[in-house]
Amino acid sequence: MSDQICTPESETATVQEEKTLKEKVFECCDNIQSQGEKITRAAVRERTGGSDRDLSKYINEWRESKALVVQGEEAIAQTPDEEIKPTPASTATISHADIQQIKSNAAQRVKALRIAEIQVARAYQENPDLLPPEILEEIAQAEMAAIATPLNHRNYYDPNALAQMVIASL
C-alpha cells in the first residue's frame, strides 16, 4: 500500500493547482472505497494529512454525497417515467421501527426531564435559600408589593379583622 494512493506521482506532476484538503479527502475516500478498505480518519490522514476535525467534516460530507447519489439512483430506478421529487434524507432512509424508537426515546427523555424538574422545584420550595440571588430578589419584590396593598384590602390579611368578618356572617 503506497502513501500516494490518493494522489499518484503521475497525477501530481500534471496538476497545475494545488488541490484543497476537501478535494484530496473526497478523492482519497473514493480510492479507499474502490479498494474495498474501510474509510477511517486515520487511513485518510495517512494519505492526505490534515486535522482530525477537518478530516471528520470532509469524510462526513463525502459520505452524505454518496448517500444522496445512491438515493437518487434508487428514485430513478423506481420511477423512470415520473418526475422525481426530492425527499428529505431523514424520511427516505429511516424505517417505521426507527421512527418509533426515536419517538419512544424522545418521550422517555422528556419524562426524565420533567420528573427531574418537579423534584428540583420541590427541593427549592423546601430550601428557598438555594435559589439564585436574582430569583430571591424577584420573590422579595413580589412579597413587598403584596404587603403594600391599599389599607382597605389589608383587612384580608389581618387575622382579627378576618375573624370579625367571618363571625358577622354567622
N, C-alpha and C. Protein backbone atom coordinates (compact mmCIF):
# COMPACT_ATOMS: atom_id res chain seq x y z
N MET A 1 0.84 -1.17 0.00
CA MET A 1 0.00 0.00 0.00
C MET A 1 0.89 1.23 0.00
N SER A 2 0.71 2.06 -0.98
CA SER A 2 1.55 3.25 -1.14
C SER A 2 0.94 4.43 -0.41
N ASP A 3 1.81 5.31 0.06
CA ASP A 3 1.34 6.53 0.70
C ASP A 3 0.72 7.48 -0.32
N GLN A 4 0.95 7.24 -1.58
CA GLN A 4 0.45 8.13 -2.63
C GLN A 4 -0.81 7.58 -3.30
N ILE A 5 -1.57 6.75 -2.60
CA ILE A 5 -2.77 6.16 -3.19
C ILE A 5 -3.73 7.24 -3.66
N CYS A 6 -3.88 8.29 -2.91
CA CYS A 6 -4.87 9.31 -3.24
C CYS A 6 -4.38 10.30 -4.28
N THR A 7 -3.09 10.51 -4.37
CA THR A 7 -2.55 11.41 -5.38
C THR A 7 -1.27 10.80 -5.95
N PRO A 8 -1.40 9.89 -6.93
CA PRO A 8 -0.22 9.25 -7.51
C PRO A 8 0.73 10.27 -8.11
N GLU A 9 2.01 9.89 -8.21
CA GLU A 9 3.05 10.78 -8.74
C GLU A 9 2.69 11.30 -10.12
N SER A 10 2.14 10.44 -10.98
CA SER A 10 1.83 10.86 -12.34
C SER A 10 0.78 11.98 -12.35
N GLU A 11 -0.16 11.93 -11.40
CA GLU A 11 -1.18 12.97 -11.35
C GLU A 11 -0.62 14.25 -10.76
N THR A 12 0.22 14.15 -9.75
CA THR A 12 0.72 15.36 -9.11
C THR A 12 1.61 16.15 -10.04
N ALA A 13 2.25 15.50 -10.98
CA ALA A 13 3.11 16.21 -11.91
C ALA A 13 2.28 17.03 -12.89
N THR A 14 1.06 16.54 -13.22
CA THR A 14 0.24 17.25 -14.20
C THR A 14 -0.74 18.23 -13.57
N VAL A 15 -0.91 18.19 -12.27
CA VAL A 15 -1.83 19.11 -11.61
C VAL A 15 -1.22 20.50 -11.61
N GLN A 16 -1.98 21.48 -12.13
CA GLN A 16 -1.45 22.82 -12.21
C GLN A 16 -1.70 23.59 -10.92
N GLU A 17 -2.81 23.33 -10.24
CA GLU A 17 -3.12 23.99 -8.99
C GLU A 17 -3.12 22.96 -7.88
N GLU A 18 -2.77 23.40 -6.68
CA GLU A 18 -2.80 22.52 -5.51
C GLU A 18 -4.25 22.24 -5.15
N LYS A 19 -4.58 20.98 -4.91
CA LYS A 19 -5.95 20.61 -4.53
C LYS A 19 -6.21 21.03 -3.09
N THR A 20 -7.47 21.35 -2.82
CA THR A 20 -7.84 21.67 -1.44
C THR A 20 -7.88 20.38 -0.64
N LEU A 21 -7.87 20.52 0.68
CA LEU A 21 -7.93 19.34 1.54
C LEU A 21 -9.23 18.58 1.29
N LYS A 22 -10.31 19.31 1.08
CA LYS A 22 -11.60 18.67 0.81
C LYS A 22 -11.52 17.81 -0.45
N GLU A 23 -10.95 18.35 -1.51
CA GLU A 23 -10.81 17.59 -2.76
C GLU A 23 -9.94 16.35 -2.54
N LYS A 24 -8.86 16.52 -1.79
CA LYS A 24 -7.98 15.39 -1.51
C LYS A 24 -8.72 14.31 -0.72
N VAL A 25 -9.50 14.73 0.28
CA VAL A 25 -10.24 13.77 1.10
C VAL A 25 -11.28 13.04 0.27
N PHE A 26 -12.02 13.75 -0.56
CA PHE A 26 -13.03 13.12 -1.40
C PHE A 26 -12.38 12.10 -2.34
N GLU A 27 -11.30 12.49 -2.97
CA GLU A 27 -10.59 11.59 -3.89
C GLU A 27 -10.05 10.38 -3.13
N CYS A 28 -9.49 10.63 -1.96
CA CYS A 28 -8.94 9.56 -1.15
C CYS A 28 -10.03 8.58 -0.72
N CYS A 29 -11.18 9.10 -0.29
CA CYS A 29 -12.28 8.23 0.12
C CYS A 29 -12.77 7.38 -1.05
N ASP A 30 -12.85 7.98 -2.23
CA ASP A 30 -13.23 7.21 -3.42
C ASP A 30 -12.24 6.07 -3.66
N ASN A 31 -10.95 6.38 -3.56
CA ASN A 31 -9.92 5.36 -3.79
C ASN A 31 -9.96 4.26 -2.73
N ILE A 32 -10.10 4.65 -1.48
CA ILE A 32 -10.15 3.65 -0.40
C ILE A 32 -11.37 2.76 -0.58
N GLN A 33 -12.50 3.37 -0.92
CA GLN A 33 -13.72 2.58 -1.13
C GLN A 33 -13.55 1.62 -2.31
N SER A 34 -12.95 2.09 -3.40
CA SER A 34 -12.79 1.23 -4.58
C SER A 34 -11.86 0.06 -4.30
N GLN A 35 -10.96 0.22 -3.32
CA GLN A 35 -10.06 -0.87 -2.94
C GLN A 35 -10.69 -1.80 -1.91
N GLY A 36 -11.93 -1.48 -1.49
CA GLY A 36 -12.64 -2.32 -0.55
C GLY A 36 -12.16 -2.17 0.89
N GLU A 37 -11.44 -1.11 1.18
CA GLU A 37 -10.95 -0.89 2.54
C GLU A 37 -11.95 -0.04 3.31
N LYS A 38 -11.81 -0.06 4.63
CA LYS A 38 -12.67 0.74 5.49
C LYS A 38 -12.15 2.18 5.52
N ILE A 39 -13.06 3.12 5.37
CA ILE A 39 -12.68 4.53 5.37
C ILE A 39 -12.67 5.02 6.82
N THR A 40 -11.48 5.35 7.29
CA THR A 40 -11.32 5.86 8.64
C THR A 40 -10.54 7.17 8.58
N ARG A 41 -10.67 7.95 9.65
CA ARG A 41 -9.90 9.19 9.72
C ARG A 41 -8.41 8.90 9.63
N ALA A 42 -7.98 7.86 10.33
CA ALA A 42 -6.55 7.53 10.35
C ALA A 42 -6.06 7.18 8.95
N ALA A 43 -6.85 6.39 8.22
CA ALA A 43 -6.46 5.99 6.87
C ALA A 43 -6.38 7.20 5.94
N VAL A 44 -7.35 8.10 6.07
CA VAL A 44 -7.36 9.29 5.21
C VAL A 44 -6.23 10.24 5.61
N ARG A 45 -6.03 10.42 6.93
CA ARG A 45 -4.96 11.31 7.40
C ARG A 45 -3.60 10.82 6.93
N GLU A 46 -3.40 9.50 6.93
CA GLU A 46 -2.13 8.91 6.48
C GLU A 46 -1.83 9.29 5.03
N ARG A 47 -2.89 9.44 4.23
CA ARG A 47 -2.70 9.71 2.81
C ARG A 47 -2.79 11.20 2.44
N THR A 48 -3.51 11.98 3.27
CA THR A 48 -3.74 13.38 2.89
C THR A 48 -3.20 14.40 3.88
N GLY A 49 -2.99 13.98 5.11
CA GLY A 49 -2.65 14.95 6.15
C GLY A 49 -3.91 15.66 6.59
N GLY A 50 -3.78 16.66 7.43
CA GLY A 50 -4.94 17.42 7.88
C GLY A 50 -5.31 17.09 9.31
N SER A 51 -6.10 17.96 9.92
CA SER A 51 -6.53 17.78 11.31
C SER A 51 -7.71 16.82 11.38
N ASP A 52 -7.86 16.17 12.53
CA ASP A 52 -8.98 15.25 12.73
C ASP A 52 -10.32 15.96 12.51
N ARG A 53 -10.42 17.21 13.00
CA ARG A 53 -11.67 17.97 12.86
C ARG A 53 -12.02 18.15 11.38
N ASP A 54 -11.04 18.62 10.59
CA ASP A 54 -11.30 18.85 9.16
C ASP A 54 -11.57 17.53 8.44
N LEU A 55 -10.78 16.52 8.76
CA LEU A 55 -10.96 15.22 8.09
C LEU A 55 -12.34 14.65 8.40
N SER A 56 -12.75 14.71 9.66
CA SER A 56 -14.08 14.20 10.02
C SER A 56 -15.17 14.92 9.24
N LYS A 57 -15.05 16.23 9.17
CA LYS A 57 -16.04 17.04 8.45
C LYS A 57 -16.11 16.62 6.98
N TYR A 58 -14.95 16.50 6.33
CA TYR A 58 -14.94 16.18 4.90
C TYR A 58 -15.33 14.73 4.63
N ILE A 59 -14.95 13.82 5.51
CA ILE A 59 -15.36 12.42 5.34
C ILE A 59 -16.87 12.32 5.46
N ASN A 60 -17.45 13.02 6.44
CA ASN A 60 -18.92 13.01 6.59
C ASN A 60 -19.59 13.63 5.37
N GLU A 61 -19.04 14.72 4.84
CA GLU A 61 -19.61 15.32 3.63
C GLU A 61 -19.52 14.34 2.47
N TRP A 62 -18.40 13.63 2.35
CA TRP A 62 -18.25 12.64 1.28
C TRP A 62 -19.30 11.55 1.42
N ARG A 63 -19.49 11.06 2.65
CA ARG A 63 -20.49 10.00 2.88
C ARG A 63 -21.89 10.49 2.53
N GLU A 64 -22.21 11.74 2.94
CA GLU A 64 -23.52 12.29 2.63
C GLU A 64 -23.71 12.42 1.12
N SER A 65 -22.68 12.84 0.41
CA SER A 65 -22.80 12.99 -1.04
C SER A 65 -23.02 11.63 -1.69
N LYS A 66 -22.37 10.60 -1.17
CA LYS A 66 -22.57 9.24 -1.72
C LYS A 66 -23.96 8.74 -1.39
N ALA A 67 -24.48 9.05 -0.20
CA ALA A 67 -25.82 8.61 0.18
C ALA A 67 -26.86 9.29 -0.72
N LEU A 68 -26.66 10.57 -1.02
CA LEU A 68 -27.60 11.27 -1.90
C LEU A 68 -27.56 10.70 -3.31
N VAL A 69 -26.38 10.32 -3.79
CA VAL A 69 -26.27 9.73 -5.12
C VAL A 69 -27.01 8.40 -5.16
N VAL A 70 -26.82 7.57 -4.13
CA VAL A 70 -27.49 6.27 -4.08
C VAL A 70 -29.00 6.47 -4.01
N GLN A 71 -29.47 7.39 -3.19
CA GLN A 71 -30.91 7.64 -3.10
C GLN A 71 -31.45 8.12 -4.43
N GLY A 72 -30.71 8.99 -5.10
CA GLY A 72 -31.13 9.49 -6.40
C GLY A 72 -31.23 8.38 -7.42
N GLU A 73 -30.26 7.46 -7.43
CA GLU A 73 -30.29 6.33 -8.36
C GLU A 73 -31.47 5.42 -8.07
N GLU A 74 -31.79 5.20 -6.77
CA GLU A 74 -32.94 4.37 -6.41
C GLU A 74 -34.23 5.03 -6.88
N ALA A 75 -34.32 6.34 -6.76
CA ALA A 75 -35.52 7.06 -7.19
C ALA A 75 -35.70 6.94 -8.69
N ILE A 76 -34.62 7.03 -9.44
CA ILE A 76 -34.69 6.90 -10.90
C ILE A 76 -35.13 5.50 -11.27
N ALA A 77 -34.59 4.49 -10.59
CA ALA A 77 -34.94 3.11 -10.89
C ALA A 77 -36.41 2.83 -10.55
N GLN A 78 -36.94 3.45 -9.50
CA GLN A 78 -38.30 3.19 -9.08
C GLN A 78 -39.32 3.96 -9.91
N THR A 79 -38.97 5.13 -10.40
CA THR A 79 -39.93 5.97 -11.12
C THR A 79 -39.31 6.49 -12.42
N PRO A 80 -39.09 5.63 -13.40
CA PRO A 80 -38.41 6.09 -14.61
C PRO A 80 -39.22 7.09 -15.42
N ASP A 81 -40.55 7.01 -15.40
CA ASP A 81 -41.36 7.88 -16.24
C ASP A 81 -41.94 9.07 -15.46
N GLU A 82 -41.82 9.06 -14.14
CA GLU A 82 -42.38 10.13 -13.33
C GLU A 82 -41.34 11.19 -13.05
N GLU A 83 -41.82 12.38 -12.74
CA GLU A 83 -40.93 13.45 -12.33
C GLU A 83 -40.41 13.09 -10.94
N ILE A 84 -39.12 13.21 -10.74
CA ILE A 84 -38.51 12.86 -9.46
C ILE A 84 -38.63 14.04 -8.53
N LYS A 85 -39.28 13.82 -7.39
CA LYS A 85 -39.43 14.85 -6.39
C LYS A 85 -38.45 14.56 -5.27
N PRO A 86 -37.66 15.55 -4.87
CA PRO A 86 -36.70 15.31 -3.80
C PRO A 86 -37.43 15.00 -2.49
N THR A 87 -36.90 14.02 -1.77
CA THR A 87 -37.44 13.68 -0.46
C THR A 87 -36.36 13.94 0.57
N PRO A 88 -36.75 14.39 1.75
CA PRO A 88 -35.74 14.60 2.79
C PRO A 88 -35.02 13.30 3.10
N ALA A 89 -33.72 13.38 3.28
CA ALA A 89 -32.94 12.18 3.57
C ALA A 89 -33.44 11.48 4.82
N SER A 90 -33.94 12.24 5.79
CA SER A 90 -34.38 11.64 7.04
C SER A 90 -35.56 10.69 6.83
N THR A 91 -36.50 11.04 5.94
CA THR A 91 -37.64 10.16 5.73
C THR A 91 -37.34 9.10 4.69
N ALA A 92 -36.39 9.34 3.84
CA ALA A 92 -36.09 8.38 2.78
C ALA A 92 -35.33 7.18 3.31
N THR A 93 -34.61 7.34 4.39
CA THR A 93 -33.75 6.26 4.84
C THR A 93 -34.10 5.71 6.22
N ILE A 94 -35.11 6.25 6.88
CA ILE A 94 -35.46 5.80 8.23
C ILE A 94 -36.69 4.92 8.17
N SER A 95 -36.58 3.75 8.76
CA SER A 95 -37.70 2.82 8.77
C SER A 95 -38.74 3.24 9.80
N HIS A 96 -39.92 2.66 9.69
CA HIS A 96 -41.00 2.94 10.66
C HIS A 96 -40.56 2.55 12.07
N ALA A 97 -39.89 1.43 12.19
CA ALA A 97 -39.41 0.98 13.51
C ALA A 97 -38.41 1.98 14.10
N ASP A 98 -37.54 2.51 13.25
CA ASP A 98 -36.58 3.52 13.72
C ASP A 98 -37.29 4.78 14.18
N ILE A 99 -38.30 5.20 13.44
CA ILE A 99 -39.06 6.39 13.80
C ILE A 99 -39.74 6.17 15.15
N GLN A 100 -40.34 4.99 15.33
CA GLN A 100 -40.99 4.68 16.60
C GLN A 100 -39.98 4.68 17.75
N GLN A 101 -38.79 4.15 17.50
CA GLN A 101 -37.75 4.12 18.53
C GLN A 101 -37.33 5.54 18.90
N ILE A 102 -37.19 6.40 17.90
CA ILE A 102 -36.82 7.79 18.16
C ILE A 102 -37.91 8.47 18.98
N LYS A 103 -39.17 8.25 18.62
CA LYS A 103 -40.27 8.84 19.38
C LYS A 103 -40.26 8.35 20.82
N SER A 104 -40.06 7.06 21.01
CA SER A 104 -40.02 6.48 22.35
C SER A 104 -38.88 7.06 23.17
N ASN A 105 -37.70 7.15 22.56
CA ASN A 105 -36.54 7.73 23.26
C ASN A 105 -36.81 9.18 23.64
N ALA A 106 -37.42 9.94 22.72
CA ALA A 106 -37.71 11.34 22.99
C ALA A 106 -38.72 11.46 24.13
N ALA A 107 -39.75 10.61 24.13
CA ALA A 107 -40.74 10.65 25.20
C ALA A 107 -40.11 10.31 26.55
N GLN A 108 -39.22 9.32 26.56
CA GLN A 108 -38.53 8.95 27.80
C GLN A 108 -37.65 10.09 28.29
N ARG A 109 -37.01 10.78 27.36
CA ARG A 109 -36.15 11.91 27.74
C ARG A 109 -36.99 13.04 28.34
N VAL A 110 -38.11 13.35 27.69
CA VAL A 110 -38.99 14.41 28.20
C VAL A 110 -39.50 14.02 29.59
N LYS A 111 -39.89 12.76 29.75
CA LYS A 111 -40.38 12.29 31.06
C LYS A 111 -39.30 12.48 32.12
N ALA A 112 -38.09 12.08 31.83
CA ALA A 112 -36.99 12.19 32.79
C ALA A 112 -36.73 13.66 33.14
N LEU A 113 -36.74 14.52 32.13
CA LEU A 113 -36.51 15.95 32.38
C LEU A 113 -37.62 16.56 33.22
N ARG A 114 -38.87 16.22 32.91
CA ARG A 114 -39.99 16.78 33.67
C ARG A 114 -39.99 16.30 35.11
N ILE A 115 -39.72 15.00 35.33
CA ILE A 115 -39.68 14.48 36.69
C ILE A 115 -38.54 15.14 37.47
N ALA A 116 -37.40 15.27 36.83
CA ALA A 116 -36.26 15.93 37.49
C ALA A 116 -36.61 17.38 37.82
N GLU A 117 -37.28 18.06 36.90
CA GLU A 117 -37.68 19.45 37.12
C GLU A 117 -38.61 19.56 38.33
N ILE A 118 -39.56 18.65 38.44
CA ILE A 118 -40.50 18.66 39.56
C ILE A 118 -39.75 18.42 40.88
N GLN A 119 -38.81 17.48 40.86
CA GLN A 119 -38.06 17.18 42.08
C GLN A 119 -37.16 18.34 42.49
N VAL A 120 -36.54 18.99 41.53
CA VAL A 120 -35.70 20.15 41.85
C VAL A 120 -36.56 21.30 42.36
N ALA A 121 -37.74 21.51 41.76
CA ALA A 121 -38.64 22.56 42.22
C ALA A 121 -39.06 22.30 43.67
N ARG A 122 -39.34 21.04 43.98
CA ARG A 122 -39.70 20.68 45.36
C ARG A 122 -38.55 20.98 46.31
N ALA A 123 -37.33 20.67 45.89
CA ALA A 123 -36.15 20.95 46.72
C ALA A 123 -35.99 22.45 46.94
N TYR A 124 -36.22 23.25 45.91
CA TYR A 124 -36.15 24.71 46.05
C TYR A 124 -37.26 25.21 46.98
N GLN A 125 -38.44 24.61 46.85
CA GLN A 125 -39.56 25.03 47.71
C GLN A 125 -39.22 24.78 49.18
N GLU A 126 -38.60 23.64 49.45
CA GLU A 126 -38.23 23.30 50.82
C GLU A 126 -36.99 24.05 51.31
N ASN A 127 -36.14 24.48 50.39
CA ASN A 127 -34.90 25.19 50.72
C ASN A 127 -34.75 26.43 49.84
N PRO A 128 -35.58 27.45 50.07
CA PRO A 128 -35.56 28.62 49.18
C PRO A 128 -34.22 29.35 49.18
N ASP A 129 -33.43 29.18 50.23
CA ASP A 129 -32.13 29.84 50.27
C ASP A 129 -31.18 29.32 49.19
N LEU A 130 -31.52 28.19 48.57
CA LEU A 130 -30.69 27.64 47.48
C LEU A 130 -31.00 28.29 46.13
N LEU A 131 -32.07 29.07 46.08
CA LEU A 131 -32.44 29.72 44.81
C LEU A 131 -31.37 30.74 44.42
N PRO A 132 -31.22 30.98 43.12
CA PRO A 132 -30.28 32.01 42.65
C PRO A 132 -30.68 33.39 43.20
N PRO A 133 -29.71 34.26 43.45
CA PRO A 133 -29.99 35.58 44.04
C PRO A 133 -31.01 36.40 43.27
N GLU A 134 -30.96 36.37 41.93
CA GLU A 134 -31.91 37.19 41.16
C GLU A 134 -33.35 36.71 41.35
N ILE A 135 -33.54 35.42 41.54
CA ILE A 135 -34.89 34.90 41.77
C ILE A 135 -35.34 35.26 43.19
N LEU A 136 -34.43 35.16 44.16
CA LEU A 136 -34.76 35.57 45.52
C LEU A 136 -35.18 37.03 45.55
N GLU A 137 -34.51 37.87 44.78
CA GLU A 137 -34.85 39.30 44.71
C GLU A 137 -36.25 39.50 44.13
N GLU A 138 -36.58 38.75 43.08
CA GLU A 138 -37.91 38.86 42.48
C GLU A 138 -39.00 38.45 43.47
N ILE A 139 -38.73 37.39 44.23
CA ILE A 139 -39.69 36.94 45.24
C ILE A 139 -39.87 38.02 46.31
N ALA A 140 -38.76 38.59 46.75
CA ALA A 140 -38.82 39.64 47.77
C ALA A 140 -39.63 40.84 47.27
N GLN A 141 -39.44 41.21 46.01
CA GLN A 141 -40.20 42.32 45.44
C GLN A 141 -41.69 42.00 45.38
N ALA A 142 -42.04 40.77 45.03
CA ALA A 142 -43.44 40.37 44.97
C ALA A 142 -44.06 40.38 46.37
N GLU A 143 -43.30 39.94 47.37
CA GLU A 143 -43.80 39.96 48.75
C GLU A 143 -44.01 41.40 49.22
N MET A 144 -43.09 42.29 48.87
CA MET A 144 -43.22 43.70 49.26
C MET A 144 -44.44 44.33 48.59
N ALA A 145 -44.69 43.98 47.36
CA ALA A 145 -45.85 44.51 46.65
C ALA A 145 -47.14 44.04 47.32
N ALA A 146 -47.16 42.80 47.78
CA ALA A 146 -48.35 42.27 48.45
C ALA A 146 -48.59 42.98 49.78
N ILE A 147 -47.51 43.30 50.48
CA ILE A 147 -47.64 43.98 51.77
C ILE A 147 -48.11 45.41 51.57
N ALA A 148 -47.73 46.03 50.48
CA ALA A 148 -48.05 47.43 50.22
C ALA A 148 -49.43 47.62 49.60
N THR A 149 -50.33 46.66 49.75
CA THR A 149 -51.68 46.81 49.19
C THR A 149 -52.42 47.92 49.93
N PRO A 150 -53.43 48.52 49.30
CA PRO A 150 -54.20 49.59 49.96
C PRO A 150 -54.79 49.12 51.30
N LEU A 151 -55.01 50.07 52.19
CA LEU A 151 -55.48 49.75 53.54
C LEU A 151 -56.79 48.98 53.54
N ASN A 152 -57.72 49.29 52.62
CA ASN A 152 -59.00 48.59 52.64
C ASN A 152 -58.84 47.10 52.31
N HIS A 153 -57.76 46.73 51.67
CA HIS A 153 -57.52 45.31 51.38
C HIS A 153 -56.70 44.65 52.49
N ARG A 154 -56.13 45.43 53.39
CA ARG A 154 -55.33 44.86 54.47
C ARG A 154 -56.19 44.03 55.42
N ASN A 155 -57.46 44.32 55.49
CA ASN A 155 -58.33 43.54 56.37
C ASN A 155 -58.29 42.06 56.02
N TYR A 156 -58.04 41.76 54.74
CA TYR A 156 -57.97 40.36 54.32
C TYR A 156 -56.75 39.66 54.92
N TYR A 157 -55.74 40.44 55.29
CA TYR A 157 -54.52 39.86 55.83
C TYR A 157 -54.45 39.99 57.36
N ASP A 158 -55.35 40.78 57.94
CA ASP A 158 -55.37 40.98 59.40
C ASP A 158 -56.24 39.87 60.01
N PRO A 159 -55.66 38.98 60.84
CA PRO A 159 -56.45 37.88 61.38
C PRO A 159 -57.65 38.34 62.22
N ASN A 160 -57.50 39.41 62.99
CA ASN A 160 -58.61 39.89 63.81
C ASN A 160 -59.75 40.41 62.93
N ALA A 161 -59.41 41.21 61.92
CA ALA A 161 -60.43 41.73 61.03
C ALA A 161 -61.10 40.60 60.26
N LEU A 162 -60.33 39.62 59.82
CA LEU A 162 -60.87 38.47 59.09
C LEU A 162 -61.80 37.68 59.99
N ALA A 163 -61.41 37.44 61.23
CA ALA A 163 -62.26 36.70 62.17
C ALA A 163 -63.56 37.45 62.43
N GLN A 164 -63.50 38.75 62.56
CA GLN A 164 -64.71 39.56 62.79
C GLN A 164 -65.66 39.48 61.60
N MET A 165 -65.12 39.50 60.37
CA MET A 165 -65.98 39.40 59.19
C MET A 165 -66.65 38.04 59.13
N VAL A 166 -65.92 37.00 59.46
CA VAL A 166 -66.49 35.65 59.40
C VAL A 166 -67.57 35.50 60.48
N ILE A 167 -67.28 35.99 61.70
CA ILE A 167 -68.27 35.90 62.78
C ILE A 167 -69.52 36.69 62.44
N ALA A 168 -69.35 37.85 61.82
CA ALA A 168 -70.50 38.66 61.44
C ALA A 168 -71.37 37.96 60.41
N SER A 169 -70.80 37.09 59.61
CA SER A 169 -71.59 36.38 58.58
C SER A 169 -72.35 35.19 59.14
N LEU A 170 -72.11 34.83 60.43
CA LEU A 170 -72.80 33.69 61.04
C LEU A 170 -74.22 33.95 61.36
